[in-house]
PDB file of N, CA and C in Angstrom:
ATOM      1  N   MET A   1     -37.140  23.143 107.674  1.00  0.00           N
ATOM      2  CA  MET A   1     -38.443  22.956 108.354  1.00  0.00           C
ATOM      3  C   MET A   1     -38.227  22.340 109.738  1.00  0.00           C
ATOM      4  N   THR A   2     -39.201  22.533 110.588  1.00  0.00           N
ATOM      5  CA  THR A   2     -39.093  22.020 111.951  1.00  0.00           C
ATOM      6  C   THR A   2     -40.311  21.181 112.286  1.00  0.00           C
ATOM      7  N   ILE A   3     -40.080  20.118 113.060  1.00  0.00           N
ATOM      8  CA  ILE A   3     -41.204  19.273 113.457  1.00  0.00           C
ATOM      9  C   ILE A   3     -41.923  19.922 114.637  1.00  0.00           C
ATOM     10  N   ASN A   4     -43.198  20.196 114.457  1.00  0.00           N
ATOM     11  CA  ASN A   4     -43.968  20.794 115.542  1.00  0.00           C
ATOM     12  C   ASN A   4     -44.310  19.713 116.563  1.00  0.00           C
ATOM     13  N   PRO A   5     -43.844  19.857 117.803  1.00  0.00           N
ATOM     14  CA  PRO A   5     -44.046  18.838 118.840  1.00  0.00           C
ATOM     15  C   PRO A   5     -45.518  18.605 119.178  1.00  0.00           C
ATOM     16  N   TYR A   6     -46.363  19.585 118.834  1.00  0.00           N
ATOM     17  CA  TYR A   6     -47.779  19.444 119.162  1.00  0.00           C
ATOM     18  C   TYR A   6     -48.543  18.719 118.055  1.00  0.00           C
ATOM     19  N   THR A   7     -48.221  19.046 116.812  1.00  0.00           N
ATOM     20  CA  THR A   7     -48.964  18.473 115.696  1.00  0.00           C
ATOM     21  C   THR A   7     -48.215  17.313 115.052  1.00  0.00           C
ATOM     22  N   MET A   8     -46.920  17.204 115.376  1.00  0.00           N
ATOM     23  CA  MET A   8     -46.067  16.171 114.781  1.00  0.00           C
ATOM     24  C   MET A   8     -46.056  16.311 113.263  1.00  0.00           C
ATOM     25  N   ASP A   9     -46.248  17.546 112.800  1.00  0.00           N
ATOM     26  CA  ASP A   9     -46.202  17.815 111.364  1.00  0.00           C
ATOM     27  C   ASP A   9     -45.046  18.774 111.088  1.00  0.00           C
ATOM     28  N   THR A  10     -44.643  18.870 109.848  1.00  0.00           N
ATOM     29  CA  THR A  10     -43.551  19.770 109.506  1.00  0.00           C
ATOM     30  C   THR A  10     -44.085  21.182 109.296  1.00  0.00           C
ATOM     31  N   ASP A  11     -43.580  22.117 110.111  1.00  0.00           N
ATOM     32  CA  ASP A  11     -43.983  23.512 109.977  1.00  0.00           C
ATOM     33  C   ASP A  11     -42.883  24.268 109.243  1.00  0.00           C
ATOM     34  N   PRO A  12     -43.244  25.170 108.351  1.00  0.00           N
ATOM     35  CA  PRO A  12     -42.268  25.921 107.574  1.00  0.00           C
ATOM     36  C   PRO A  12     -41.366  26.785 108.445  1.00  0.00           C
ATOM     37  N   ASP A  13     -41.864  27.246 109.571  1.00  0.00           N
ATOM     38  CA  ASP A  13     -41.048  28.128 110.411  1.00  0.00           C
ATOM     39  C   ASP A  13     -41.576  28.142 111.838  1.00  0.00           C
ATOM     40  N   LEU A  14     -41.674  26.946 112.429  1.00  0.00           N
ATOM     41  CA  LEU A  14     -42.195  26.764 113.789  1.00  0.00           C
ATOM     42  C   LEU A  14     -42.638  28.056 114.479  1.00  0.00           C
ATOM     43  N   LEU A  15     -43.933  28.327 114.380  1.00  0.00           N
ATOM     44  CA  LEU A  15     -44.494  29.534 114.972  1.00  0.00           C
ATOM     45  C   LEU A  15     -44.602  29.365 116.483  1.00  0.00           C
ATOM     46  N   PRO A  16     -44.922  30.433 117.203  1.00  0.00           N
ATOM     47  CA  PRO A  16     -45.122  30.316 118.647  1.00  0.00           C
ATOM     48  C   PRO A  16     -46.047  29.145 118.938  1.00  0.00           C
ATOM     49  N   LEU A  17     -45.651  28.307 119.888  1.00  0.00           N
ATOM     50  CA  LEU A  17     -46.376  27.073 120.177  1.00  0.00           C
ATOM     51  C   LEU A  17     -47.885  27.264 120.186  1.00  0.00           C
ATOM     52  N   PRO A  18     -48.564  26.566 119.296  1.00  0.00           N
ATOM     53  CA  PRO A  18     -50.017  26.626 119.203  1.00  0.00           C
ATOM     54  C   PRO A  18     -50.645  25.798 120.307  1.00  0.00           C
ATOM     55  N   PRO A  19     -51.930  25.959 120.568  1.00  0.00           N
ATOM     56  CA  PRO A  19     -52.594  25.170 121.601  1.00  0.00           C
ATOM     57  C   PRO A  19     -52.583  23.694 121.238  1.00  0.00           C
ATOM     58  N   PRO A  20     -52.232  22.825 122.180  1.00  0.00           N
ATOM     59  CA  PRO A  20     -52.204  21.390 121.904  1.00  0.00           C
ATOM     60  C   PRO A  20     -53.574  20.891 121.482  1.00  0.00           C
ATOM     61  N   HIS A  21     -53.602  20.192 120.349  1.00  0.00           N
ATOM     62  CA  HIS A  21     -54.889  19.678 119.885  1.00  0.00           C
ATOM     63  C   HIS A  21     -54.844  18.155 119.881  1.00  0.00           C
ATOM     64  N   PRO A  22     -55.994  17.509 119.896  1.00  0.00           N
ATOM     65  CA  PRO A  22     -56.090  16.050 119.970  1.00  0.00           C
ATOM     66  C   PRO A  22     -55.293  15.361 118.873  1.00  0.00           C
ATOM     67  N   ALA A  23     -54.777  14.194 119.196  1.00  0.00           N
ATOM     68  CA  ALA A  23     -54.001  13.436 118.210  1.00  0.00           C
ATOM     69  C   ALA A  23     -54.898  13.003 117.055  1.00  0.00           C
ATOM     70  N   LYS A  24     -54.279  12.956 115.877  1.00  0.00           N
ATOM     71  CA  LYS A  24     -55.059  12.599 114.682  1.00  0.00           C
ATOM     72  C   LYS A  24     -55.383  11.104 114.714  1.00  0.00           C
TER      73      LYS A  24
END
């Protein structure tokens, strides 16, 4: 798994960078 720099969550297969969304 990879840490998504935008969501700071673990993505199963880091997809094309999603739109940056507000911090939780």
